[in-house]
N, C-alpha and C. Protein backbone atom coordinates (compact mmCIF):
# COMPACT_ATOMS: atom_id res chain seq x y z
N MET A 1 41.46 9.51 102.77
CA MET A 1 40.35 9.88 102.53
C MET A 1 39.69 11.04 103.56
N ASN A 2 39.10 11.95 102.87
CA ASN A 2 38.45 13.00 103.58
C ASN A 2 37.43 12.56 104.31
N SER A 3 37.42 12.92 105.65
CA SER A 3 36.37 12.71 106.61
C SER A 3 34.85 13.08 106.04
N THR A 4 34.84 13.97 105.10
CA THR A 4 33.60 14.33 104.66
C THR A 4 33.03 13.31 103.61
N GLU A 5 33.68 12.70 103.13
CA GLU A 5 33.34 11.69 101.99
C GLU A 5 32.39 10.54 102.50
N PRO A 6 31.52 10.25 101.81
CA PRO A 6 30.46 9.37 102.38
C PRO A 6 31.35 7.95 102.31
N ILE A 7 30.83 7.12 103.22
CA ILE A 7 31.34 5.70 103.41
C ILE A 7 30.60 4.72 102.33
N GLN A 8 31.52 4.09 101.53
CA GLN A 8 30.88 3.28 100.48
C GLN A 8 30.33 1.97 101.14
N VAL A 9 29.34 1.56 101.06
CA VAL A 9 28.72 0.28 101.67
C VAL A 9 28.24 -0.63 100.33
N ASP A 10 28.69 -1.78 100.50
CA ASP A 10 28.10 -2.98 99.46
C ASP A 10 26.87 -3.35 99.71
N ARG A 11 25.98 -2.81 99.27
CA ARG A 11 24.47 -3.04 99.64
C ARG A 11 24.13 -4.44 99.53
N ASP A 12 24.58 -5.03 98.61
CA ASP A 12 24.33 -6.61 98.50
C ASP A 12 25.07 -7.29 99.26
N ALA A 13 26.32 -7.15 99.61
CA ALA A 13 26.88 -7.83 100.80
C ALA A 13 26.16 -7.51 102.18
N GLN A 14 25.79 -6.24 102.29
CA GLN A 14 25.23 -6.04 103.79
C GLN A 14 23.81 -6.88 103.76
N ARG A 15 23.01 -6.86 102.72
CA ARG A 15 21.66 -7.54 102.66
C ARG A 15 21.92 -9.06 102.84
N GLU A 16 22.94 -9.60 102.27
CA GLU A 16 23.32 -11.05 102.41
C GLU A 16 23.71 -11.17 103.70
N HIS A 17 24.56 -10.34 104.48
CA HIS A 17 24.94 -10.56 105.79
C HIS A 17 23.58 -10.60 106.66
N VAL A 18 22.70 -9.80 106.44
CA VAL A 18 21.57 -9.62 107.22
C VAL A 18 20.64 -11.00 107.16
N THR A 19 20.58 -11.39 105.91
CA THR A 19 19.80 -12.70 105.57
C THR A 19 20.50 -13.91 106.17
N ASP A 20 21.86 -13.71 106.34
CA ASP A 20 22.58 -15.10 106.99
C ASP A 20 22.23 -15.01 108.39
N ILE A 21 22.13 -13.68 109.14
CA ILE A 21 21.91 -13.86 110.45
C ILE A 21 20.39 -14.18 110.68
N ALA A 22 19.46 -13.63 109.87
CA ALA A 22 18.10 -13.98 109.98
C ALA A 22 17.82 -15.44 109.78
N ALA A 23 18.69 -16.24 108.80
CA ALA A 23 18.49 -17.59 108.69
C ALA A 23 19.08 -18.32 109.83
N ARG A 24 19.99 -17.99 110.42
CA ARG A 24 20.48 -18.53 111.68
C ARG A 24 19.50 -18.54 112.82
N LEU A 25 18.92 -17.33 113.04
CA LEU A 25 17.89 -17.30 114.14
C LEU A 25 16.58 -18.04 113.76
N VAL A 26 15.98 -18.07 112.57
CA VAL A 26 15.05 -18.89 112.15
C VAL A 26 15.23 -20.27 112.28
N ALA A 27 16.35 -20.76 111.95
CA ALA A 27 16.83 -22.40 112.18
C ALA A 27 16.85 -22.62 113.50
N GLU A 28 17.30 -21.72 114.40
CA GLU A 28 17.45 -21.94 115.79
C GLU A 28 16.33 -21.87 116.56
N GLU A 29 15.60 -20.86 116.46
CA GLU A 29 14.42 -20.52 116.96
C GLU A 29 13.12 -20.29 116.44
N GLY A 30 12.90 -20.36 115.35
CA GLY A 30 11.83 -20.31 114.59
C GLY A 30 11.46 -18.95 114.08
N VAL A 31 10.47 -18.61 113.30
CA VAL A 31 10.01 -17.35 112.76
C VAL A 31 9.63 -16.28 113.83
N ALA A 32 9.22 -16.62 115.14
CA ALA A 32 8.88 -15.81 116.20
C ALA A 32 10.24 -15.12 116.51
N ALA A 33 11.51 -15.62 116.23
CA ALA A 33 12.73 -14.98 116.51
C ALA A 33 13.20 -13.94 115.66
N LEU A 34 12.35 -13.90 114.41
CA LEU A 34 12.85 -12.95 113.41
C LEU A 34 12.10 -11.58 113.59
N THR A 35 12.78 -10.77 114.32
CA THR A 35 12.28 -9.46 114.53
C THR A 35 13.52 -8.65 114.18
N PHE A 36 13.35 -7.25 113.61
CA PHE A 36 14.45 -6.20 113.29
C PHE A 36 15.32 -6.23 114.49
N ARG A 37 14.87 -6.10 115.64
CA ARG A 37 15.56 -5.86 116.94
C ARG A 37 16.49 -7.21 117.06
N ARG A 38 16.08 -8.20 116.96
CA ARG A 38 16.82 -9.51 117.31
C ARG A 38 17.94 -9.71 116.21
N VAL A 39 17.54 -9.30 114.77
CA VAL A 39 18.45 -9.44 113.84
C VAL A 39 19.59 -8.25 113.89
N ALA A 40 19.05 -7.21 114.36
CA ALA A 40 19.95 -6.13 114.46
C ALA A 40 21.18 -6.42 115.79
N ASP A 41 20.57 -7.08 116.71
CA ASP A 41 21.34 -7.15 117.86
C ASP A 41 22.25 -8.24 117.34
N ALA A 42 21.97 -9.27 116.72
CA ALA A 42 22.94 -10.41 116.27
C ALA A 42 23.79 -9.80 115.27
N ALA A 43 23.52 -8.73 114.52
CA ALA A 43 24.41 -8.21 113.50
C ALA A 43 25.31 -7.03 114.39
N GLY A 44 25.18 -6.81 115.45
CA GLY A 44 25.91 -5.67 116.03
C GLY A 44 25.57 -4.41 115.63
N SER A 45 24.34 -4.17 114.98
CA SER A 45 24.03 -2.83 114.47
C SER A 45 22.65 -2.45 114.99
N SER A 46 22.23 -1.42 114.45
CA SER A 46 20.96 -0.98 114.79
C SER A 46 19.63 -1.46 113.86
N THR A 47 18.41 -1.24 114.53
CA THR A 47 17.14 -1.59 113.73
C THR A 47 17.23 -0.81 112.35
N ALA A 48 17.73 0.44 112.43
CA ALA A 48 17.75 1.27 111.21
C ALA A 48 18.45 0.69 110.12
N ILE A 49 19.50 0.03 110.39
CA ILE A 49 20.46 -0.77 109.35
C ILE A 49 19.39 -1.75 108.62
N VAL A 50 18.83 -2.46 109.66
CA VAL A 50 18.03 -3.70 109.04
C VAL A 50 16.88 -3.11 108.16
N SER A 51 16.30 -2.00 108.71
CA SER A 51 15.18 -1.36 107.94
C SER A 51 15.65 -0.78 106.71
N THR A 52 16.90 -0.54 106.49
CA THR A 52 17.37 0.16 105.34
C THR A 52 17.32 -0.99 104.26
N TYR A 53 17.33 -2.03 104.53
CA TYR A 53 17.35 -3.38 103.49
C TYR A 53 16.08 -4.10 103.33
N PHE A 54 15.22 -3.90 104.25
CA PHE A 54 13.90 -4.85 104.39
C PHE A 54 12.72 -3.81 104.88
N SER A 55 11.70 -4.02 104.25
CA SER A 55 10.53 -2.96 104.35
C SER A 55 9.81 -3.62 105.83
N ASP A 56 9.80 -4.72 106.13
CA ASP A 56 9.13 -5.43 107.19
C ASP A 56 9.45 -6.92 107.39
N LYS A 57 9.02 -7.37 108.35
CA LYS A 57 9.36 -8.87 108.77
C LYS A 57 9.06 -9.82 107.63
N ARG A 58 8.08 -9.37 107.01
CA ARG A 58 7.67 -10.32 105.93
C ARG A 58 8.54 -10.40 104.65
N ASP A 59 9.05 -9.07 104.46
CA ASP A 59 10.02 -8.94 103.23
C ASP A 59 11.51 -9.54 103.73
N LEU A 60 11.87 -9.59 105.15
CA LEU A 60 12.96 -10.09 105.51
C LEU A 60 12.94 -11.72 105.43
N LEU A 61 11.85 -12.09 105.92
CA LEU A 61 11.67 -13.74 105.75
C LEU A 61 11.59 -14.08 104.45
N ALA A 62 10.94 -13.57 103.38
CA ALA A 62 10.88 -13.90 101.89
C ALA A 62 12.34 -13.68 101.44
N ALA A 63 13.41 -12.61 101.74
CA ALA A 63 14.45 -12.57 101.29
C ALA A 63 15.56 -13.87 101.88
N THR A 64 15.42 -14.13 103.23
CA THR A 64 16.00 -15.18 103.71
C THR A 64 15.48 -16.45 103.03
N LEU A 65 14.32 -16.79 102.86
CA LEU A 65 13.99 -17.93 101.92
C LEU A 65 14.75 -18.03 100.82
N GLY A 66 14.67 -16.77 100.05
CA GLY A 66 15.14 -16.53 98.73
C GLY A 66 16.58 -17.03 98.81
N ALA A 67 17.38 -16.48 99.93
CA ALA A 67 18.75 -16.96 99.85
C ALA A 67 19.03 -18.31 100.17
N ALA A 68 18.11 -19.08 100.90
CA ALA A 68 18.21 -20.47 101.07
C ALA A 68 18.03 -21.17 99.97
N ALA A 69 17.03 -20.87 99.08
CA ALA A 69 16.67 -21.38 97.87
C ALA A 69 17.76 -21.26 96.84
N ALA A 70 18.25 -19.98 97.08
CA ALA A 70 19.33 -19.92 95.87
C ALA A 70 20.56 -20.83 96.13
N ARG A 71 20.93 -20.89 97.47
CA ARG A 71 22.03 -21.78 97.77
C ARG A 71 21.78 -23.19 97.25
N THR A 72 20.53 -23.63 97.70
CA THR A 72 20.21 -24.99 97.19
C THR A 72 20.05 -25.15 95.66
N SER A 73 19.75 -24.19 94.73
CA SER A 73 19.73 -24.12 93.50
C SER A 73 21.11 -24.27 93.02
N VAL A 74 22.11 -23.40 93.55
CA VAL A 74 23.53 -23.54 93.08
C VAL A 74 24.17 -24.94 93.41
N ARG A 75 23.90 -25.32 94.60
CA ARG A 75 24.30 -26.88 94.60
C ARG A 75 23.73 -27.69 93.87
N PHE A 76 22.34 -27.62 93.45
CA PHE A 76 21.79 -28.39 92.37
C PHE A 76 22.58 -28.36 91.24
N GLU A 77 22.64 -27.00 90.60
CA GLU A 77 23.23 -26.87 89.46
C GLU A 77 24.67 -27.31 89.16
N ALA A 78 25.28 -27.18 90.38
CA ALA A 78 26.77 -27.81 90.23
C ALA A 78 26.89 -29.30 90.17
N THR A 79 25.85 -29.93 90.35
CA THR A 79 25.97 -31.39 90.22
C THR A 79 25.23 -32.13 89.20
N THR A 80 24.61 -31.26 88.07
CA THR A 80 23.68 -31.66 87.08
C THR A 80 24.46 -32.64 86.14
N GLY A 81 25.72 -32.63 85.96
CA GLY A 81 26.29 -33.42 85.23
C GLY A 81 26.49 -34.87 85.94
N GLY A 82 26.37 -34.87 87.21
CA GLY A 82 26.58 -36.20 87.77
C GLY A 82 25.17 -37.08 87.94
N GLY A 83 24.30 -36.75 87.10
CA GLY A 83 23.01 -37.47 87.14
C GLY A 83 21.97 -37.01 88.04
N LEU A 84 20.75 -37.77 87.97
CA LEU A 84 19.75 -37.40 88.81
C LEU A 84 19.99 -37.69 90.31
N GLN A 85 20.46 -38.68 90.73
CA GLN A 85 20.59 -38.85 92.16
C GLN A 85 21.57 -38.00 92.56
N LYS A 86 22.65 -37.55 92.09
CA LYS A 86 23.58 -36.78 92.72
C LYS A 86 22.94 -35.42 92.60
N SER A 87 22.14 -34.90 91.56
CA SER A 87 21.69 -33.52 91.80
C SER A 87 20.55 -33.54 92.89
N LEU A 88 19.74 -34.58 92.95
CA LEU A 88 18.76 -34.65 94.15
C LEU A 88 19.54 -34.51 95.52
N GLU A 89 20.55 -35.21 95.72
CA GLU A 89 21.33 -35.12 97.02
C GLU A 89 21.59 -33.82 97.25
N ALA A 90 21.73 -32.90 96.49
CA ALA A 90 22.29 -31.60 96.51
C ALA A 90 21.22 -30.81 97.18
N TRP A 91 20.11 -31.43 97.13
CA TRP A 91 18.72 -30.80 97.98
C TRP A 91 18.72 -31.25 99.23
N LEU A 92 19.26 -32.39 99.60
CA LEU A 92 19.06 -32.87 100.86
C LEU A 92 19.81 -32.28 101.96
N PRO A 93 19.43 -32.36 103.06
CA PRO A 93 20.19 -31.56 104.50
C PRO A 93 21.20 -32.79 104.84
N LEU A 94 22.23 -32.88 104.10
CA LEU A 94 23.33 -33.95 104.45
C LEU A 94 24.41 -33.15 105.36
N ASP A 95 24.21 -31.91 105.50
CA ASP A 95 25.22 -31.17 106.55
C ASP A 95 24.61 -29.92 107.20
N GLU A 96 25.40 -29.50 108.01
CA GLU A 96 24.93 -28.24 109.04
C GLU A 96 24.17 -27.27 108.01
N GLU A 97 24.93 -26.79 107.06
CA GLU A 97 24.51 -25.63 106.14
C GLU A 97 23.17 -26.02 105.68
N ARG A 98 22.96 -27.12 105.11
CA ARG A 98 21.79 -27.56 104.22
C ARG A 98 20.79 -27.80 105.31
N LEU A 99 20.90 -28.33 106.61
CA LEU A 99 19.93 -28.35 107.47
C LEU A 99 19.47 -27.04 107.97
N ARG A 100 20.39 -26.17 108.02
CA ARG A 100 19.86 -24.78 108.49
C ARG A 100 18.95 -24.18 107.26
N ASP A 101 19.22 -24.40 106.00
CA ASP A 101 18.50 -23.86 105.00
C ASP A 101 17.07 -24.65 104.97
N TRP A 102 17.09 -25.91 105.24
CA TRP A 102 15.75 -26.51 105.18
C TRP A 102 15.04 -26.17 106.61
N ARG A 103 15.74 -25.80 107.60
CA ARG A 103 14.76 -25.30 108.74
C ARG A 103 14.30 -23.95 108.36
N VAL A 104 14.92 -23.24 107.53
CA VAL A 104 14.36 -21.93 107.13
C VAL A 104 13.18 -22.13 106.22
N ILE A 105 13.27 -22.99 105.13
CA ILE A 105 12.35 -23.48 104.18
C ILE A 105 11.06 -23.72 105.03
N ILE A 106 11.23 -24.70 106.03
CA ILE A 106 10.03 -25.30 106.52
C ILE A 106 9.38 -23.96 107.39
N ALA A 107 10.28 -23.28 108.01
CA ALA A 107 9.52 -22.42 108.81
C ALA A 107 8.60 -21.17 107.92
N PHE A 108 9.22 -20.95 106.83
CA PHE A 108 8.59 -20.22 105.79
C PHE A 108 7.24 -20.82 105.29
N TRP A 109 7.29 -22.08 105.21
CA TRP A 109 6.01 -22.83 104.82
C TRP A 109 4.83 -22.61 105.82
N GLY A 110 5.26 -22.63 107.13
CA GLY A 110 4.34 -22.30 108.19
C GLY A 110 3.62 -21.05 108.03
N VAL A 111 4.45 -19.87 107.49
CA VAL A 111 3.96 -18.57 107.50
C VAL A 111 3.07 -18.35 105.94
N ALA A 112 3.72 -19.34 104.93
CA ALA A 112 3.18 -19.09 103.58
C ALA A 112 1.86 -19.76 103.49
N VAL A 113 1.41 -20.72 104.54
CA VAL A 113 0.05 -21.35 104.55
C VAL A 113 -1.13 -20.29 104.47
N ALA A 114 -0.82 -19.19 105.27
CA ALA A 114 -1.74 -18.37 105.69
C ALA A 114 -1.63 -16.96 104.87
N ASP A 115 -0.66 -17.01 103.93
CA ASP A 115 -0.31 -15.75 103.26
C ASP A 115 -0.17 -16.12 101.80
N PRO A 116 -1.35 -15.67 101.00
CA PRO A 116 -1.32 -16.04 99.70
C PRO A 116 -0.18 -15.58 98.69
N GLU A 117 0.33 -14.25 98.97
CA GLU A 117 1.50 -14.06 98.17
C GLU A 117 2.92 -14.77 98.56
N LEU A 118 2.93 -15.14 99.81
CA LEU A 118 4.09 -15.82 100.22
C LEU A 118 3.94 -17.34 99.73
N ALA A 119 2.73 -17.70 99.61
CA ALA A 119 2.38 -19.09 99.00
C ALA A 119 2.75 -19.19 97.62
N GLN A 120 2.41 -18.08 97.04
CA GLN A 120 2.96 -17.98 95.47
C GLN A 120 4.48 -18.03 95.30
N VAL A 121 5.19 -17.47 96.37
CA VAL A 121 6.62 -17.37 96.27
C VAL A 121 7.16 -18.95 96.38
N GLN A 122 6.64 -19.63 97.35
CA GLN A 122 6.82 -21.00 97.63
C GLN A 122 6.50 -21.92 96.58
N ASP A 123 5.36 -21.64 95.78
CA ASP A 123 4.89 -22.40 94.70
C ASP A 123 6.04 -22.21 93.61
N GLY A 124 6.40 -20.90 93.47
CA GLY A 124 7.39 -20.87 92.40
C GLY A 124 8.80 -21.53 92.64
N HIS A 125 9.17 -21.60 93.85
CA HIS A 125 10.31 -22.45 94.14
C HIS A 125 10.13 -23.90 93.91
N VAL A 126 8.95 -24.40 94.23
CA VAL A 126 8.69 -25.81 93.96
C VAL A 126 8.60 -26.08 92.40
N SER A 127 7.70 -25.25 91.62
CA SER A 127 7.70 -25.22 90.23
C SER A 127 9.09 -25.23 89.52
N ARG A 128 9.94 -24.40 90.08
CA ARG A 128 11.31 -24.36 89.38
C ARG A 128 12.15 -25.76 89.75
N ALA A 129 11.94 -26.21 90.94
CA ALA A 129 12.60 -27.45 91.31
C ALA A 129 11.84 -28.58 90.25
N ARG A 130 10.80 -28.65 90.35
CA ARG A 130 10.01 -29.75 89.50
C ARG A 130 10.70 -29.63 87.93
N GLY A 131 10.63 -28.37 87.61
CA GLY A 131 11.14 -28.18 86.20
C GLY A 131 12.59 -28.61 86.02
N ARG A 132 13.47 -28.36 87.08
CA ARG A 132 14.82 -28.88 86.90
C ARG A 132 14.91 -30.32 86.79
N VAL A 133 13.87 -31.08 87.66
CA VAL A 133 13.94 -32.51 87.77
C VAL A 133 13.42 -33.12 86.22
N THR A 134 12.27 -32.61 85.82
CA THR A 134 11.68 -32.73 84.39
C THR A 134 12.86 -32.54 83.50
N ALA A 135 13.61 -31.65 83.50
CA ALA A 135 14.70 -31.56 82.43
C ALA A 135 15.73 -32.72 82.57
N LEU A 136 15.92 -33.21 83.77
CA LEU A 136 16.80 -34.36 84.08
C LEU A 136 16.43 -35.69 83.61
N LEU A 137 14.90 -35.92 83.46
CA LEU A 137 14.42 -37.10 83.31
C LEU A 137 14.45 -37.34 81.73
N ALA A 138 14.91 -38.74 81.46
CA ALA A 138 14.92 -38.93 80.07
C ALA A 138 13.56 -38.74 79.34
N ASP A 139 12.41 -39.13 79.84
CA ASP A 139 11.27 -38.76 78.96
C ASP A 139 10.54 -37.50 79.33
N HIS A 140 11.28 -36.59 80.28
CA HIS A 140 10.81 -35.27 80.59
C HIS A 140 9.28 -35.52 81.08
N ASP A 141 8.88 -36.35 81.80
CA ASP A 141 7.64 -36.54 82.44
C ASP A 141 7.54 -35.70 83.60
N ASP A 142 6.55 -34.68 83.64
CA ASP A 142 6.31 -33.73 84.62
C ASP A 142 5.68 -34.48 85.80
N VAL A 143 4.81 -35.41 85.54
CA VAL A 143 4.15 -35.98 86.85
C VAL A 143 5.25 -36.92 87.65
N LEU A 144 5.82 -37.58 86.85
CA LEU A 144 7.15 -38.32 87.57
C LEU A 144 8.12 -37.40 88.16
N ALA A 145 8.29 -36.14 87.56
CA ALA A 145 9.19 -35.18 88.23
C ALA A 145 8.63 -34.72 89.53
N GLY A 146 7.24 -34.64 89.61
CA GLY A 146 6.50 -34.33 90.86
C GLY A 146 6.72 -35.33 92.04
N GLN A 147 6.69 -36.51 91.59
CA GLN A 147 6.80 -37.68 92.56
C GLN A 147 8.32 -37.71 92.93
N VAL A 148 9.24 -37.54 92.03
CA VAL A 148 10.67 -37.40 92.65
C VAL A 148 10.86 -36.24 93.60
N VAL A 149 10.28 -35.09 93.16
CA VAL A 149 10.36 -33.86 94.16
C VAL A 149 9.90 -34.18 95.48
N ALA A 150 8.68 -34.93 95.38
CA ALA A 150 7.88 -35.21 96.70
C ALA A 150 8.76 -36.31 97.57
N LEU A 151 9.33 -37.22 96.80
CA LEU A 151 10.24 -38.09 97.47
C LEU A 151 11.40 -37.41 98.10
N THR A 152 12.01 -36.43 97.56
CA THR A 152 13.24 -35.72 97.95
C THR A 152 12.75 -34.88 99.32
N LEU A 153 11.53 -34.27 98.89
CA LEU A 153 10.98 -33.37 100.08
C LEU A 153 10.63 -34.37 101.48
N GLY A 154 10.13 -35.34 101.22
CA GLY A 154 9.74 -36.41 102.33
C GLY A 154 11.05 -36.88 103.23
N ILE A 155 12.27 -37.13 102.18
CA ILE A 155 13.32 -37.47 103.00
C ILE A 155 14.01 -36.33 103.79
N ALA A 156 13.96 -35.15 103.23
CA ALA A 156 14.44 -33.98 103.85
C ALA A 156 13.53 -33.71 104.99
N LEU A 157 12.32 -33.77 105.10
CA LEU A 157 11.58 -33.68 106.26
C LEU A 157 11.87 -34.55 107.54
N GLN A 158 12.09 -35.92 107.07
CA GLN A 158 12.36 -36.85 108.01
C GLN A 158 13.71 -36.41 108.64
N ALA A 159 14.61 -35.94 107.80
CA ALA A 159 16.14 -35.60 108.34
C ALA A 159 15.79 -34.41 109.31
N VAL A 160 14.92 -33.48 109.07
CA VAL A 160 14.90 -32.27 109.87
C VAL A 160 14.11 -32.60 111.13
N PHE A 161 13.15 -33.53 111.21
CA PHE A 161 12.20 -33.62 112.39
C PHE A 161 12.64 -34.81 113.07
N ALA A 162 13.27 -35.92 112.63
CA ALA A 162 13.44 -37.04 113.42
C ALA A 162 14.47 -36.62 114.44
N PRO A 163 14.27 -37.05 115.61
CA PRO A 163 15.14 -36.65 116.68
C PRO A 163 16.76 -37.16 116.39
N THR A 164 16.85 -38.33 115.91
CA THR A 164 18.33 -38.76 115.61
C THR A 164 18.46 -38.62 114.02
N GLY A 165 17.49 -38.25 113.22
CA GLY A 165 17.52 -38.03 111.83
C GLY A 165 18.03 -39.18 111.06
N PRO A 166 17.62 -39.43 109.71
CA PRO A 166 18.45 -40.36 109.03
C PRO A 166 19.90 -39.55 108.65
N THR A 167 20.81 -40.22 108.95
CA THR A 167 22.17 -39.71 108.63
C THR A 167 22.26 -39.35 107.05
N ALA A 168 23.51 -38.75 106.69
CA ALA A 168 23.50 -38.57 105.12
C ALA A 168 23.64 -39.73 104.44
N ARG A 169 24.25 -40.78 105.14
CA ARG A 169 24.32 -42.12 104.29
C ARG A 169 22.73 -42.74 104.21
N THR A 170 22.07 -42.70 105.25
CA THR A 170 20.69 -43.10 105.10
C THR A 170 19.74 -42.32 104.22
N GLN A 171 19.97 -40.94 103.99
CA GLN A 171 19.37 -40.03 103.34
C GLN A 171 19.58 -40.51 101.68
N ARG A 172 20.86 -40.69 101.48
CA ARG A 172 21.26 -41.31 100.12
C ARG A 172 20.83 -42.55 99.65
N ALA A 173 20.47 -43.36 100.77
CA ALA A 173 20.00 -44.88 100.49
C ALA A 173 18.53 -44.78 100.18
N LEU A 174 17.94 -43.92 101.03
CA LEU A 174 16.34 -43.72 100.75
C LEU A 174 16.27 -43.13 99.45
N LEU A 175 17.01 -42.23 99.21
CA LEU A 175 16.76 -41.58 97.78
C LEU A 175 16.98 -42.59 96.63
N ALA A 176 17.98 -43.39 96.81
CA ALA A 176 18.50 -44.37 95.78
C ALA A 176 17.23 -45.26 95.52
N ASP A 177 16.83 -45.88 96.81
CA ASP A 177 15.58 -46.83 96.76
C ASP A 177 14.55 -46.20 96.21
N GLY A 178 14.14 -45.08 96.55
CA GLY A 178 12.71 -44.48 96.02
C GLY A 178 13.03 -44.08 94.70
N LEU A 179 14.07 -43.50 94.29
CA LEU A 179 14.44 -43.51 92.58
C LEU A 179 14.33 -44.62 91.77
N ALA A 180 14.75 -45.98 92.37
CA ALA A 180 14.63 -47.20 91.69
C ALA A 180 13.29 -47.60 91.54
N ARG A 181 12.60 -47.41 92.60
CA ARG A 181 11.10 -47.80 92.84
C ARG A 181 10.19 -46.96 91.77
N LEU A 182 10.49 -45.62 91.69
CA LEU A 182 9.73 -44.59 90.80
C LEU A 182 10.03 -44.79 89.33
N LEU A 183 11.56 -44.86 89.08
CA LEU A 183 11.78 -44.97 87.65
C LEU A 183 11.95 -46.51 87.13
N GLY A 184 11.67 -47.48 88.03
CA GLY A 184 11.75 -48.86 87.62
C GLY A 184 12.94 -49.25 87.27
């Protein structure tokens, strides 16, 4: 290779790498830890690299949430043939990766409360989740789908915030019991 040729960079891979680092920081330390300097230091790069891919902290946070939501969607879609319970379990924080995603999602909620544009982003994620659940329900009841999503969110919140958390087994049992009550 000629030394004057530009280095080829996979922009998507680099952006994903930065959002993975951002997710780890947010999950471990909260949104306050999400600065270009902290992300750059954790990535072993400069703030110029981070700012190449993200215009500001808000943009980085939205992309980090988007990556967490995308991982959750992939897990959900991979289980849709297994029925409603299995699909919803894909959303629960049953392992470390999912727990990290949930911590990012919850941190995002704290910022979105005071930011109408980010609140719209969050509403879009919830609307898509409700739509996915509606499609799985036999009668395609959107109100029931909202209740099922609320049940799943509630279990996830307990898992994230309870000091000893409900175990994966307990989360599954809570979901099964809640679904039995909702679906009759």
